[in-house]
Amino acid sequence: MFFNFEAEFVESLRCIPMQVRYKLDTCGVKLKLQHWHQLTPAIRQQLVTLPCDTPAAIAAYRQQLQQWVTEATGSPAGELAIDPHPPWLQAETVPDSVQAKAAEFQVTIAPLQWANLTPLQRFALIKLSRASHENRNFWPALQEFGLA
């Protein structure tokens, strides 16, 4: 599933789509955009479609991804600590960073609205609300998710 706010780049997969970024955080791999660009379009598409939702699938995704990155670049991608309780799986609490970013658009996200989002939608809003991220897609995401 791609989001509408990703439409400008998902057909070519020139940027890492949110669903792959979600899988990267899930399996603990820090894939840089330069690594992504060195992967073939077919491999990028496989990274979109491969499952990463059970312990076995997560381990297989990580192993396959690292193999492809190593083959393409000569070394594996970096590693991330895997959060055992990531905020996008916490349906009862809207993260402060998301509420603060939403407030910039005069939007308040109610706990029930947050709870009704999918984990991938919550992940996208968390990522798009970070100060270190280019935030131009935060408002389109709010609109797409029915929050604005």
Protein backbone atom coordinates (compact mmCIF):
# COMPACT_ATOMS: atom_id res chain seq x y z
CA MET A 1 0.00 0.00 0.00
CA PHE A 2 1.33 3.36 -1.02
CA PHE A 3 -0.01 6.61 0.33
CA ASN A 4 -1.35 9.30 -1.99
CA PHE A 5 1.19 11.78 -0.61
CA GLU A 6 3.92 9.50 -2.00
CA ALA A 7 2.44 9.49 -5.51
CA GLU A 8 5.13 11.67 -7.07
CA PHE A 9 7.86 9.11 -6.48
CA VAL A 10 6.36 5.67 -5.86
CA GLU A 11 6.01 4.65 -9.49
CA SER A 12 9.75 4.98 -10.02
CA LEU A 13 10.57 4.06 -6.40
CA ARG A 14 13.24 6.78 -6.42
CA CYS A 15 12.58 7.38 -2.73
CA ILE A 16 12.05 4.81 -0.01
CA PRO A 17 8.29 4.47 0.47
CA MET A 18 6.79 4.54 3.96
CA GLN A 19 5.86 0.86 3.87
CA VAL A 20 9.53 -0.05 3.28
CA ARG A 21 10.68 2.42 5.92
CA TYR A 22 8.23 0.74 8.30
CA LYS A 23 9.78 -2.65 7.49
CA LEU A 24 13.29 -1.23 7.97
CA ASP A 25 12.42 -0.02 11.48
CA THR A 26 10.75 -3.37 12.16
CA CYS A 27 13.78 -5.42 11.14
CA GLY A 28 16.44 -3.01 12.47
CA VAL A 29 18.18 -1.95 9.25
CA LYS A 30 19.26 1.62 8.50
CA LEU A 31 19.07 1.81 4.74
CA LYS A 32 20.41 5.05 3.29
CA LEU A 33 18.92 6.58 0.18
CA GLN A 34 22.25 6.05 -1.61
CA HIS A 35 21.96 2.32 -0.85
CA TRP A 36 18.37 2.31 -2.10
CA HIS A 37 19.49 3.89 -5.38
CA GLN A 38 22.11 1.18 -5.88
CA LEU A 39 19.48 -1.56 -5.70
CA THR A 40 17.82 -2.60 -8.94
CA PRO A 41 14.20 -1.61 -9.56
CA ALA A 42 13.23 -5.28 -9.28
CA ILE A 43 14.86 -5.58 -5.84
CA ARG A 44 13.23 -2.33 -4.68
CA GLN A 45 9.87 -3.74 -5.72
CA GLN A 46 10.59 -6.96 -3.83
CA LEU A 47 11.38 -4.93 -0.71
CA VAL A 48 7.93 -3.38 -1.07
CA THR A 49 6.14 -6.71 -1.40
CA LEU A 50 8.12 -9.08 0.84
CA PRO A 51 6.39 -9.73 4.18
CA CYS A 52 7.91 -8.39 7.38
CA ASP A 53 5.22 -9.08 9.96
CA THR A 54 6.12 -12.19 11.94
CA PRO A 55 9.38 -13.01 13.73
CA ALA A 56 10.39 -15.42 10.94
CA ALA A 57 9.42 -12.99 8.17
CA ILE A 58 11.25 -10.14 9.91
CA ALA A 59 14.43 -12.21 10.17
CA ALA A 60 14.15 -13.33 6.54
CA TYR A 61 13.51 -9.75 5.35
CA ARG A 62 16.54 -8.47 7.25
CA GLN A 63 18.80 -11.24 5.93
CA GLN A 64 17.64 -10.81 2.32
CA LEU A 65 17.90 -7.01 2.47
CA GLN A 66 21.44 -7.14 3.88
CA GLN A 67 22.45 -9.66 1.21
CA TRP A 68 21.15 -7.42 -1.57
CA VAL A 69 22.76 -4.29 -0.09
CA THR A 70 26.08 -6.09 0.33
CA GLU A 71 25.95 -7.37 -3.26
CA ALA A 72 25.13 -3.88 -4.56
CA THR A 73 27.47 -1.79 -2.41
CA GLY A 74 30.15 -4.13 -1.06
CA SER A 75 29.05 -3.80 2.56
CA PRO A 76 25.87 -4.28 4.57
CA ALA A 77 23.60 -1.43 5.64
CA GLY A 78 23.82 -0.07 9.15
CA GLU A 79 21.80 -1.47 12.00
CA LEU A 80 19.09 0.14 14.10
CA ALA A 81 17.98 -0.80 17.57
CA ILE A 82 14.57 -2.41 17.33
CA ASP A 83 12.09 -0.73 19.66
CA PRO A 84 10.14 -3.49 21.44
CA HIS A 85 7.23 -1.04 21.92
CA PRO A 86 7.33 1.34 18.95
CA PRO A 87 5.05 4.38 19.26
CA TRP A 88 3.15 3.54 16.07
CA LEU A 89 1.87 0.39 17.77
CA GLN A 90 0.72 2.40 20.80
CA ALA A 91 -2.81 3.20 19.65
CA GLU A 92 -3.80 4.82 22.94
CA THR A 93 -1.24 7.66 22.96
CA VAL A 94 -0.66 10.34 20.32
CA PRO A 95 3.07 11.17 20.42
CA ASP A 96 3.92 14.73 21.43
CA SER A 97 5.89 15.27 18.20
CA VAL A 98 2.80 14.43 16.12
CA GLN A 99 0.51 16.66 18.18
CA ALA A 100 3.03 19.52 18.00
CA LYS A 101 3.37 19.21 14.23
CA ALA A 102 -0.42 18.95 13.81
CA ALA A 103 -0.86 22.08 15.93
CA GLU A 104 1.22 23.99 13.37
CA PHE A 105 -1.75 23.36 11.03
CA GLN A 106 -4.34 24.15 13.74
CA VAL A 107 -5.19 20.44 14.01
CA THR A 108 -5.58 18.43 17.20
CA ILE A 109 -5.60 14.66 16.86
CA ALA A 110 -8.01 13.07 19.31
CA PRO A 111 -7.00 9.78 20.95
CA LEU A 112 -9.86 7.96 19.18
CA GLN A 113 -8.71 9.31 15.81
CA TRP A 114 -5.17 8.09 16.53
CA ALA A 115 -6.47 4.69 17.63
CA ASN A 116 -8.47 4.35 14.40
CA LEU A 117 -5.38 4.83 12.23
CA THR A 118 -3.47 1.80 11.00
CA PRO A 119 0.01 1.23 12.44
CA LEU A 120 1.46 2.24 9.04
CA GLN A 121 -0.49 5.52 9.07
CA ARG A 122 0.69 6.24 12.62
CA PHE A 123 4.26 5.37 11.56
CA ALA A 124 4.02 7.81 8.65
CA LEU A 125 2.79 10.66 10.85
CA ILE A 126 5.52 9.98 13.42
CA LYS A 127 8.22 9.99 10.73
CA LEU A 128 6.80 13.06 9.01
CA SER A 129 6.62 14.98 12.31
CA ARG A 130 10.29 14.59 13.17
CA ALA A 131 12.40 17.72 13.06
CA SER A 132 15.10 15.89 11.11
CA HIS A 133 12.67 14.91 8.33
CA GLU A 134 11.47 16.94 5.41
CA ASN A 135 7.95 17.67 6.63
CA ARG A 136 6.19 18.85 3.46
CA ASN A 137 4.10 15.68 3.35
CA PHE A 138 2.75 16.01 6.90
CA TRP A 139 -0.24 18.16 5.88
CA PRO A 140 -1.12 15.96 2.88
CA ALA A 141 -0.89 12.92 5.18
CA LEU A 142 -3.25 14.55 7.71
CA GLN A 143 -5.71 15.19 4.91
CA GLU A 144 -5.35 11.71 3.42
CA PHE A 145 -5.92 10.07 6.81
CA GLY A 146 -9.06 12.13 7.44
CA LEU A 147 -7.54 14.15 10.28
CA ALA A 148 -7.74 17.60 8.66
